[in-house]
Amino acid sequence: MRALFYLMSAFAVMGLAIWAYGQNQKTQVALREVRGLRAEIRSLHEALGVQRAEWAYLNRPQRLRALAEMNFGRLGLLPLDGAQFGQIDEIPYPLMTQAAPTGAAPEGTP
């Protein structure tokens, strides 16, 4: 009986060792994947920074003004000027209409 217990214990230890090895391999694969994803995120952040810098470079006011002047005949674009903006009091807001009292019946109903 004692020999059977020792044999079963040895098989249990070997089974647990195999399970632990499998879990270790899965963990290593997951860590490699995380490292790859972090590297990809880092490269995408760098690419985004480069694209933002290029966007800022291409949208310089001097460059846009020169392009508007160069293509005026074809597009009819005028350079943006501060005098083209209006004042806040010049905005025509819609007039507020008075709502009917809550107890009144709508028109046309008996």
C-alpha atoms as a PDB file:
ATOM      1  CA  MET A   1       0.000   0.000   0.000  1.00  0.00           C
ATOM      2  CA  ARG A   2       2.816   2.342   0.876  1.00  0.00           C
ATOM      3  CA  ALA A   3       4.532   1.617  -2.467  1.00  0.00           C
ATOM      4  CA  LEU A   4       1.332   2.489  -4.330  1.00  0.00           C
ATOM      5  CA  PHE A   5       1.143   5.790  -2.412  1.00  0.00           C
ATOM      6  CA  TYR A   6       4.765   6.613  -3.303  1.00  0.00           C
ATOM      7  CA  LEU A   7       4.166   5.683  -6.935  1.00  0.00           C
ATOM      8  CA  MET A   8       1.027   7.856  -7.123  1.00  0.00           C
ATOM      9  CA  SER A   9       2.862  10.739  -5.421  1.00  0.00           C
ATOM     10  CA  ALA A  10       5.724  10.468  -7.929  1.00  0.00           C
ATOM     11  CA  PHE A  11       3.256  10.540 -10.845  1.00  0.00           C
ATOM     12  CA  ALA A  12       1.492  13.547  -9.303  1.00  0.00           C
ATOM     13  CA  VAL A  13       4.808  15.403  -8.930  1.00  0.00           C
ATOM     14  CA  MET A  14       5.766  14.590 -12.539  1.00  0.00           C
ATOM     15  CA  GLY A  15       2.329  15.690 -13.747  1.00  0.00           C
ATOM     16  CA  LEU A  16       2.607  18.971 -11.864  1.00  0.00           C
ATOM     17  CA  ALA A  17       6.115  19.483 -13.231  1.00  0.00           C
ATOM     18  CA  ILE A  18       4.856  18.974 -16.799  1.00  0.00           C
ATOM     19  CA  TRP A  19       1.955  21.369 -16.147  1.00  0.00           C
ATOM     20  CA  ALA A  20       4.310  23.998 -14.661  1.00  0.00           C
ATOM     21  CA  TYR A  21       6.643  23.665 -17.659  1.00  0.00           C
ATOM     22  CA  GLY A  22       3.710  24.199 -20.044  1.00  0.00           C
ATOM     23  CA  GLN A  23       2.584  27.270 -18.106  1.00  0.00           C
ATOM     24  CA  ASN A  24       6.140  28.622 -18.203  1.00  0.00           C
ATOM     25  CA  GLN A  25       6.272  28.197 -21.985  1.00  0.00           C
ATOM     26  CA  LYS A  26       2.909  29.938 -22.418  1.00  0.00           C
ATOM     27  CA  THR A  27       4.140  32.789 -20.216  1.00  0.00           C
ATOM     28  CA  GLN A  28       7.326  33.158 -22.265  1.00  0.00           C
ATOM     29  CA  VAL A  29       5.297  33.282 -25.504  1.00  0.00           C
ATOM     30  CA  ALA A  30       2.973  35.915 -24.002  1.00  0.00           C
ATOM     31  CA  LEU A  31       5.935  38.004 -22.825  1.00  0.00           C
ATOM     32  CA  ARG A  32       7.512  37.878 -26.298  1.00  0.00           C
ATOM     33  CA  GLU A  33       4.202  38.989 -27.797  1.00  0.00           C
ATOM     34  CA  VAL A  34       3.939  41.863 -25.303  1.00  0.00           C
ATOM     35  CA  ARG A  35       7.497  42.957 -26.125  1.00  0.00           C
ATOM     36  CA  GLY A  36       6.652  42.914 -29.830  1.00  0.00           C
ATOM     37  CA  LEU A  37       3.468  44.919 -29.273  1.00  0.00           C
ATOM     38  CA  ARG A  38       5.317  47.474 -27.160  1.00  0.00           C
ATOM     39  CA  ALA A  39       7.946  47.857 -29.874  1.00  0.00           C
ATOM     40  CA  GLU A  40       5.195  48.309 -32.462  1.00  0.00           C
ATOM     41  CA  ILE A  41       3.443  50.914 -30.287  1.00  0.00           C
ATOM     42  CA  ARG A  42       6.737  52.737 -29.801  1.00  0.00           C
ATOM     43  CA  SER A  43       7.395  52.831 -33.561  1.00  0.00           C
ATOM     44  CA  LEU A  44       3.823  54.012 -34.232  1.00  0.00           C
ATOM     45  CA  HIS A  45       4.238  56.806 -31.661  1.00  0.00           C
ATOM     46  CA  GLU A  46       7.433  57.878 -33.398  1.00  0.00           C
ATOM     47  CA  ALA A  47       5.732  57.787 -36.800  1.00  0.00           C
ATOM     48  CA  LEU A  48       2.838  59.823 -35.407  1.00  0.00           C
ATOM     49  CA  GLY A  49       5.267  62.419 -34.057  1.00  0.00           C
ATOM     50  CA  VAL A  50       6.929  62.659 -37.478  1.00  0.00           C
ATOM     51  CA  GLN A  51       3.549  63.050 -39.186  1.00  0.00           C
ATOM     52  CA  ARG A  52       2.509  65.773 -36.742  1.00  0.00           C
ATOM     53  CA  ALA A  53       5.769  67.617 -37.441  1.00  0.00           C
ATOM     54  CA  GLU A  54       5.217  67.288 -41.191  1.00  0.00           C
ATOM     55  CA  TRP A  55       1.630  68.531 -40.822  1.00  0.00           C
ATOM     56  CA  ALA A  56       2.809  71.554 -38.848  1.00  0.00           C
ATOM     57  CA  TYR A  57       5.522  72.217 -41.456  1.00  0.00           C
ATOM     58  CA  LEU A  58       3.066  72.010 -44.357  1.00  0.00           C
ATOM     59  CA  ASN A  59       0.499  74.242 -42.611  1.00  0.00           C
ATOM     60  CA  ARG A  60       2.817  77.163 -41.987  1.00  0.00           C
ATOM     61  CA  PRO A  61       0.919  80.425 -42.563  1.00  0.00           C
ATOM     62  CA  GLN A  62       3.629  81.777 -44.890  1.00  0.00           C
ATOM     63  CA  ARG A  63       3.462  78.653 -47.073  1.00  0.00           C
ATOM     64  CA  LEU A  64      -0.336  78.631 -47.192  1.00  0.00           C
ATOM     65  CA  ARG A  65      -0.411  82.335 -48.040  1.00  0.00           C
ATOM     66  CA  ALA A  66       2.060  81.774 -50.888  1.00  0.00           C
ATOM     67  CA  LEU A  67      -0.012  78.841 -52.197  1.00  0.00           C
ATOM     68  CA  ALA A  68      -3.217  80.908 -52.055  1.00  0.00           C
ATOM     69  CA  GLU A  69      -1.565  83.716 -54.001  1.00  0.00           C
ATOM     70  CA  MET A  70      -0.021  81.313 -56.509  1.00  0.00           C
ATOM     71  CA  ASN A  71      -3.361  79.581 -57.228  1.00  0.00           C
ATOM     72  CA  PHE A  72      -5.609  82.643 -56.995  1.00  0.00           C
ATOM     73  CA  GLY A  73      -6.570  82.534 -60.677  1.00  0.00           C
ATOM     74  CA  ARG A  74      -7.613  78.903 -60.526  1.00  0.00           C
ATOM     75  CA  LEU A  75      -9.146  78.667 -57.039  1.00  0.00           C
ATOM     76  CA  GLY A  76     -10.034  82.243 -56.153  1.00  0.00           C
ATOM     77  CA  LEU A  77      -8.675  81.860 -52.616  1.00  0.00           C
ATOM     78  CA  LEU A  78      -7.912  85.026 -50.713  1.00  0.00           C
ATOM     79  CA  PRO A  79      -5.321  85.216 -47.979  1.00  0.00           C
ATOM     80  CA  LEU A  80      -6.856  85.072 -44.523  1.00  0.00           C
ATOM     81  CA  ASP A  81      -6.846  88.428 -42.773  1.00  0.00           C
ATOM     82  CA  GLY A  82      -7.957  89.490 -39.324  1.00  0.00           C
ATOM     83  CA  ALA A  83     -10.391  92.014 -40.795  1.00  0.00           C
ATOM     84  CA  GLN A  84     -12.375  89.136 -42.335  1.00  0.00           C
ATOM     85  CA  PHE A  85     -13.626  88.050 -38.928  1.00  0.00           C
ATOM     86  CA  GLY A  86     -16.808  89.525 -37.508  1.00  0.00           C
ATOM     87  CA  GLN A  87     -17.738  90.551 -33.989  1.00  0.00           C
ATOM     88  CA  ILE A  88     -19.848  88.403 -31.697  1.00  0.00           C
ATOM     89  CA  ASP A  89     -22.671  90.967 -31.636  1.00  0.00           C
ATOM     90  CA  GLU A  90     -23.001  90.705 -35.433  1.00  0.00           C
ATOM     91  CA  ILE A  91     -24.257  87.098 -35.291  1.00  0.00           C
ATOM     92  CA  PRO A  92     -27.995  86.940 -36.087  1.00  0.00           C
ATOM     93  CA  TYR A  93     -29.519  84.662 -33.465  1.00  0.00           C
ATOM     94  CA  PRO A  94     -33.094  83.381 -34.042  1.00  0.00           C
ATOM     95  CA  LEU A  95     -35.789  85.141 -32.066  1.00  0.00           C
ATOM     96  CA  MET A  96     -37.259  83.249 -29.145  1.00  0.00           C
ATOM     97  CA  THR A  97     -40.999  82.571 -29.560  1.00  0.00           C
ATOM     98  CA  GLN A  98     -43.257  82.361 -26.558  1.00  0.00           C
ATOM     99  CA  ALA A  99     -44.543  78.882 -25.795  1.00  0.00           C
ATOM    100  CA  ALA A 100     -48.247  78.311 -25.206  1.00  0.00           C
ATOM    101  CA  PRO A 101     -49.314  77.966 -21.558  1.00  0.00           C
ATOM    102  CA  THR A 102     -49.318  74.378 -20.358  1.00  0.00           C
ATOM    103  CA  GLY A 103     -53.035  74.275 -19.565  1.00  0.00           C
ATOM    104  CA  ALA A 104     -54.211  75.749 -22.878  1.00  0.00           C
ATOM    105  CA  ALA A 105     -55.597  73.496 -25.591  1.00  0.00           C
ATOM    106  CA  PRO A 106     -53.961  73.673 -29.017  1.00  0.00           C
ATOM    107  CA  GLU A 107     -55.720  75.628 -31.709  1.00  0.00           C
ATOM    108  CA  GLY A 108     -58.398  73.793 -33.676  1.00  0.00           C
ATOM    109  CA  THR A 109     -59.355  71.337 -30.909  1.00  0.00           C
ATOM    110  CA  PRO A 110     -62.784  71.470 -29.190  1.00  0.00           C
END
